[in-house]
N, C-alpha and C. Protein backbone atom coordinates (compact mmCIF):
# COMPACT_ATOMS: atom_id res chain seq x y z
N MET A 1 -12.58 5.60 3.93
CA MET A 1 -13.32 4.49 3.39
C MET A 1 -13.55 3.48 4.52
N TRP A 2 -14.76 3.02 4.64
CA TRP A 2 -15.10 2.01 5.64
C TRP A 2 -14.96 0.63 5.03
N LEU A 3 -14.28 -0.23 5.74
CA LEU A 3 -14.09 -1.60 5.26
C LEU A 3 -14.60 -2.57 6.31
N ILE A 4 -15.33 -3.55 5.86
CA ILE A 4 -15.72 -4.62 6.76
C ILE A 4 -14.95 -5.81 6.31
N GLY A 5 -14.34 -6.43 7.16
CA GLY A 5 -13.37 -7.32 6.74
C GLY A 5 -13.67 -8.75 6.77
N VAL A 6 -13.16 -9.12 5.88
CA VAL A 6 -13.09 -10.49 5.58
C VAL A 6 -11.91 -11.03 6.37
N GLN A 7 -10.94 -10.33 6.60
CA GLN A 7 -9.78 -10.66 7.40
C GLN A 7 -9.30 -12.09 7.22
N SER A 8 -9.15 -12.49 6.01
CA SER A 8 -8.69 -13.83 5.69
C SER A 8 -7.20 -13.75 5.36
N TRP A 9 -6.37 -14.17 6.26
CA TRP A 9 -4.93 -14.01 6.11
C TRP A 9 -4.33 -15.13 5.30
N SER A 10 -3.46 -14.79 4.39
CA SER A 10 -2.78 -15.79 3.59
C SER A 10 -1.29 -15.71 3.85
N ALA A 11 -0.59 -16.68 3.31
CA ALA A 11 0.86 -16.70 3.47
C ALA A 11 1.52 -15.51 2.81
N GLU A 12 0.87 -14.93 1.81
CA GLU A 12 1.42 -13.77 1.11
C GLU A 12 1.20 -12.48 1.87
N GLY A 13 0.52 -12.50 3.00
CA GLY A 13 0.26 -11.29 3.75
C GLY A 13 -0.89 -10.47 3.20
N LEU A 14 -1.80 -11.11 2.48
CA LEU A 14 -2.96 -10.41 1.92
C LEU A 14 -4.21 -10.82 2.68
N THR A 15 -5.18 -9.96 2.64
CA THR A 15 -6.48 -10.27 3.23
C THR A 15 -7.58 -9.89 2.26
N ALA A 16 -8.60 -10.71 2.16
CA ALA A 16 -9.74 -10.37 1.32
C ALA A 16 -10.63 -9.42 2.11
N VAL A 17 -11.16 -8.44 1.42
CA VAL A 17 -11.98 -7.41 2.06
C VAL A 17 -13.26 -7.21 1.26
N ILE A 18 -14.39 -7.14 1.94
CA ILE A 18 -15.65 -6.76 1.32
C ILE A 18 -16.02 -5.39 1.89
N GLU A 19 -16.16 -4.42 1.01
CA GLU A 19 -16.50 -3.07 1.44
C GLU A 19 -17.96 -2.97 1.86
N VAL A 20 -18.28 -1.95 2.62
CA VAL A 20 -19.67 -1.74 3.03
C VAL A 20 -20.56 -1.37 1.86
N SER A 21 -19.98 -1.09 0.72
CA SER A 21 -20.78 -0.79 -0.47
C SER A 21 -21.41 -2.05 -1.07
N CYS A 22 -21.14 -3.20 -0.49
CA CYS A 22 -21.73 -4.47 -0.93
C CYS A 22 -23.26 -4.33 -0.99
N ILE A 23 -23.85 -4.77 -2.10
CA ILE A 23 -25.30 -4.64 -2.29
C ILE A 23 -26.04 -5.95 -2.02
N ASN A 24 -25.35 -6.93 -1.46
CA ASN A 24 -25.96 -8.23 -1.12
C ASN A 24 -26.62 -8.88 -2.33
N CYS A 25 -25.94 -8.87 -3.45
CA CYS A 25 -26.51 -9.42 -4.68
C CYS A 25 -26.48 -10.94 -4.70
N ASP A 26 -25.66 -11.54 -3.85
CA ASP A 26 -25.57 -12.99 -3.72
C ASP A 26 -24.76 -13.65 -4.83
N MET A 27 -24.02 -12.91 -5.62
CA MET A 27 -23.22 -13.49 -6.69
C MET A 27 -22.01 -14.25 -6.15
N CYS A 28 -21.42 -13.79 -5.07
CA CYS A 28 -20.19 -14.39 -4.56
C CYS A 28 -20.42 -15.68 -3.78
N VAL A 29 -21.54 -15.79 -3.12
CA VAL A 29 -21.79 -16.92 -2.21
C VAL A 29 -21.66 -18.28 -2.90
N PRO A 30 -22.37 -18.52 -4.01
CA PRO A 30 -22.26 -19.85 -4.62
C PRO A 30 -20.91 -20.12 -5.28
N GLU A 31 -20.12 -19.08 -5.52
CA GLU A 31 -18.82 -19.25 -6.16
C GLU A 31 -17.73 -19.68 -5.18
N CYS A 32 -17.95 -19.48 -3.89
CA CYS A 32 -16.93 -19.79 -2.89
C CYS A 32 -16.84 -21.29 -2.67
N PRO A 33 -15.68 -21.91 -2.95
CA PRO A 33 -15.55 -23.35 -2.79
C PRO A 33 -15.48 -23.80 -1.33
N ASN A 34 -15.31 -22.86 -0.42
CA ASN A 34 -15.16 -23.19 1.00
C ASN A 34 -16.34 -22.75 1.86
N GLN A 35 -17.39 -22.25 1.24
CA GLN A 35 -18.54 -21.71 1.96
C GLN A 35 -18.10 -20.69 3.02
N ALA A 36 -17.15 -19.84 2.64
CA ALA A 36 -16.58 -18.86 3.57
C ALA A 36 -17.36 -17.56 3.61
N ILE A 37 -18.26 -17.33 2.65
CA ILE A 37 -18.99 -16.07 2.58
C ILE A 37 -20.40 -16.27 3.11
N ALA A 38 -20.79 -15.40 4.04
CA ALA A 38 -22.13 -15.47 4.62
C ALA A 38 -22.64 -14.06 4.87
N LEU A 39 -23.95 -13.94 4.94
CA LEU A 39 -24.55 -12.64 5.20
C LEU A 39 -24.27 -12.23 6.64
N GLY A 40 -23.67 -11.04 6.78
CA GLY A 40 -23.41 -10.49 8.09
C GLY A 40 -24.58 -9.62 8.53
N VAL A 41 -24.35 -8.73 9.44
CA VAL A 41 -25.41 -7.86 9.96
C VAL A 41 -25.98 -6.97 8.85
N HIS A 42 -25.10 -6.40 8.02
CA HIS A 42 -25.56 -5.47 6.99
C HIS A 42 -25.24 -5.92 5.57
N HIS A 43 -24.21 -6.71 5.40
CA HIS A 43 -23.81 -7.19 4.08
C HIS A 43 -22.99 -8.45 4.23
N TYR A 44 -22.59 -9.02 3.10
CA TYR A 44 -21.82 -10.25 3.14
C TYR A 44 -20.45 -10.05 3.75
N GLU A 45 -20.00 -11.07 4.45
CA GLU A 45 -18.68 -11.07 5.07
C GLU A 45 -18.05 -12.43 4.82
N VAL A 46 -16.74 -12.50 4.98
CA VAL A 46 -16.01 -13.74 4.77
C VAL A 46 -15.47 -14.24 6.10
N ASP A 47 -15.65 -15.52 6.35
CA ASP A 47 -15.13 -16.15 7.55
C ASP A 47 -13.63 -16.40 7.35
N PRO A 48 -12.78 -15.76 8.14
CA PRO A 48 -11.33 -15.90 7.95
C PRO A 48 -10.82 -17.31 8.22
N GLU A 49 -11.58 -18.09 8.94
CA GLU A 49 -11.17 -19.47 9.20
C GLU A 49 -11.41 -20.38 7.99
N LEU A 50 -12.29 -19.97 7.10
CA LEU A 50 -12.64 -20.80 5.95
C LEU A 50 -12.05 -20.33 4.63
N CYS A 51 -11.79 -19.05 4.52
CA CYS A 51 -11.30 -18.49 3.26
C CYS A 51 -9.86 -18.90 2.99
N THR A 52 -9.64 -19.42 1.79
CA THR A 52 -8.29 -19.79 1.34
C THR A 52 -7.89 -19.01 0.10
N GLU A 53 -8.66 -17.97 -0.23
CA GLU A 53 -8.47 -17.20 -1.46
C GLU A 53 -8.56 -18.12 -2.66
N CYS A 54 -9.36 -19.18 -2.53
CA CYS A 54 -9.63 -20.18 -3.58
C CYS A 54 -8.41 -21.01 -3.95
N GLU A 55 -7.37 -20.95 -3.14
CA GLU A 55 -6.17 -21.73 -3.40
C GLU A 55 -6.52 -23.22 -3.45
N GLY A 56 -6.05 -23.87 -4.48
CA GLY A 56 -6.34 -25.28 -4.69
C GLY A 56 -7.61 -25.53 -5.48
N PHE A 57 -8.37 -24.47 -5.75
CA PHE A 57 -9.61 -24.58 -6.52
C PHE A 57 -9.53 -23.77 -7.82
N TYR A 58 -9.10 -22.51 -7.70
CA TYR A 58 -9.04 -21.60 -8.83
C TYR A 58 -7.72 -20.84 -8.78
N GLU A 59 -7.38 -20.21 -9.88
CA GLU A 59 -6.14 -19.43 -9.93
C GLU A 59 -6.23 -18.13 -9.15
N ALA A 60 -7.45 -17.62 -8.97
CA ALA A 60 -7.67 -16.36 -8.26
C ALA A 60 -8.99 -16.45 -7.52
N PRO A 61 -9.19 -15.62 -6.50
CA PRO A 61 -10.45 -15.65 -5.76
C PRO A 61 -11.64 -15.37 -6.68
N THR A 62 -12.57 -16.30 -6.75
CA THR A 62 -13.71 -16.13 -7.65
C THR A 62 -14.69 -15.08 -7.15
N CYS A 63 -14.74 -14.84 -5.86
CA CYS A 63 -15.65 -13.81 -5.36
C CYS A 63 -15.32 -12.46 -5.97
N ILE A 64 -14.05 -12.19 -6.16
CA ILE A 64 -13.62 -10.93 -6.77
C ILE A 64 -14.06 -10.87 -8.22
N ALA A 65 -13.91 -11.98 -8.93
CA ALA A 65 -14.23 -12.02 -10.36
C ALA A 65 -15.72 -11.83 -10.63
N VAL A 66 -16.58 -12.32 -9.75
CA VAL A 66 -18.02 -12.26 -10.02
C VAL A 66 -18.73 -11.06 -9.40
N CYS A 67 -18.06 -10.29 -8.57
CA CYS A 67 -18.71 -9.15 -7.91
C CYS A 67 -19.05 -8.07 -8.95
N PRO A 68 -20.34 -7.76 -9.12
CA PRO A 68 -20.73 -6.79 -10.16
C PRO A 68 -20.37 -5.34 -9.84
N ILE A 69 -20.09 -5.04 -8.58
CA ILE A 69 -19.74 -3.66 -8.24
C ILE A 69 -18.31 -3.52 -7.74
N ASP A 70 -17.53 -4.59 -7.88
CA ASP A 70 -16.11 -4.58 -7.52
C ASP A 70 -15.85 -4.11 -6.09
N CYS A 71 -16.60 -4.66 -5.15
CA CYS A 71 -16.40 -4.26 -3.75
C CYS A 71 -15.63 -5.31 -2.94
N ILE A 72 -15.08 -6.31 -3.62
CA ILE A 72 -14.28 -7.33 -2.95
C ILE A 72 -12.88 -7.28 -3.55
N TYR A 73 -11.89 -7.26 -2.71
CA TYR A 73 -10.51 -7.23 -3.20
C TYR A 73 -9.57 -7.79 -2.15
N LEU A 74 -8.35 -8.06 -2.57
CA LEU A 74 -7.30 -8.48 -1.64
C LEU A 74 -6.49 -7.25 -1.30
N ASP A 75 -6.14 -7.13 -0.03
CA ASP A 75 -5.40 -5.97 0.43
C ASP A 75 -4.20 -6.43 1.24
N ASN A 76 -3.15 -5.65 1.21
CA ASN A 76 -1.99 -5.92 2.02
C ASN A 76 -2.35 -5.74 3.48
N THR A 77 -1.98 -6.70 4.32
CA THR A 77 -2.35 -6.66 5.74
C THR A 77 -1.83 -5.43 6.45
N ASP A 78 -0.71 -4.89 5.99
CA ASP A 78 -0.14 -3.70 6.64
C ASP A 78 -1.07 -2.49 6.53
N SER A 79 -1.82 -2.40 5.45
CA SER A 79 -2.69 -1.23 5.28
C SER A 79 -3.94 -1.30 6.15
N LEU A 80 -4.24 -2.47 6.70
CA LEU A 80 -5.41 -2.61 7.56
C LEU A 80 -5.09 -2.41 9.03
N LEU A 81 -3.82 -2.27 9.36
CA LEU A 81 -3.42 -2.11 10.77
C LEU A 81 -3.48 -0.68 11.19
């Protein structure tokens, strides 16, 4: 599986990941309270300097909740190494 990373590291050791299966539907962009999601070369990507996994805004990352094809998720950092 090919993953393009969001590489947003949290204290819990998780990283948000957007898969290459992203269809650029634009659902996640307006939901991000930190403007961390932007269109990359082929699909949306998350800026690791801006992503906080919505901490302080929502109980869970809203990009994951609104993605219609479920291509955004949090992953354990160890599995990406």
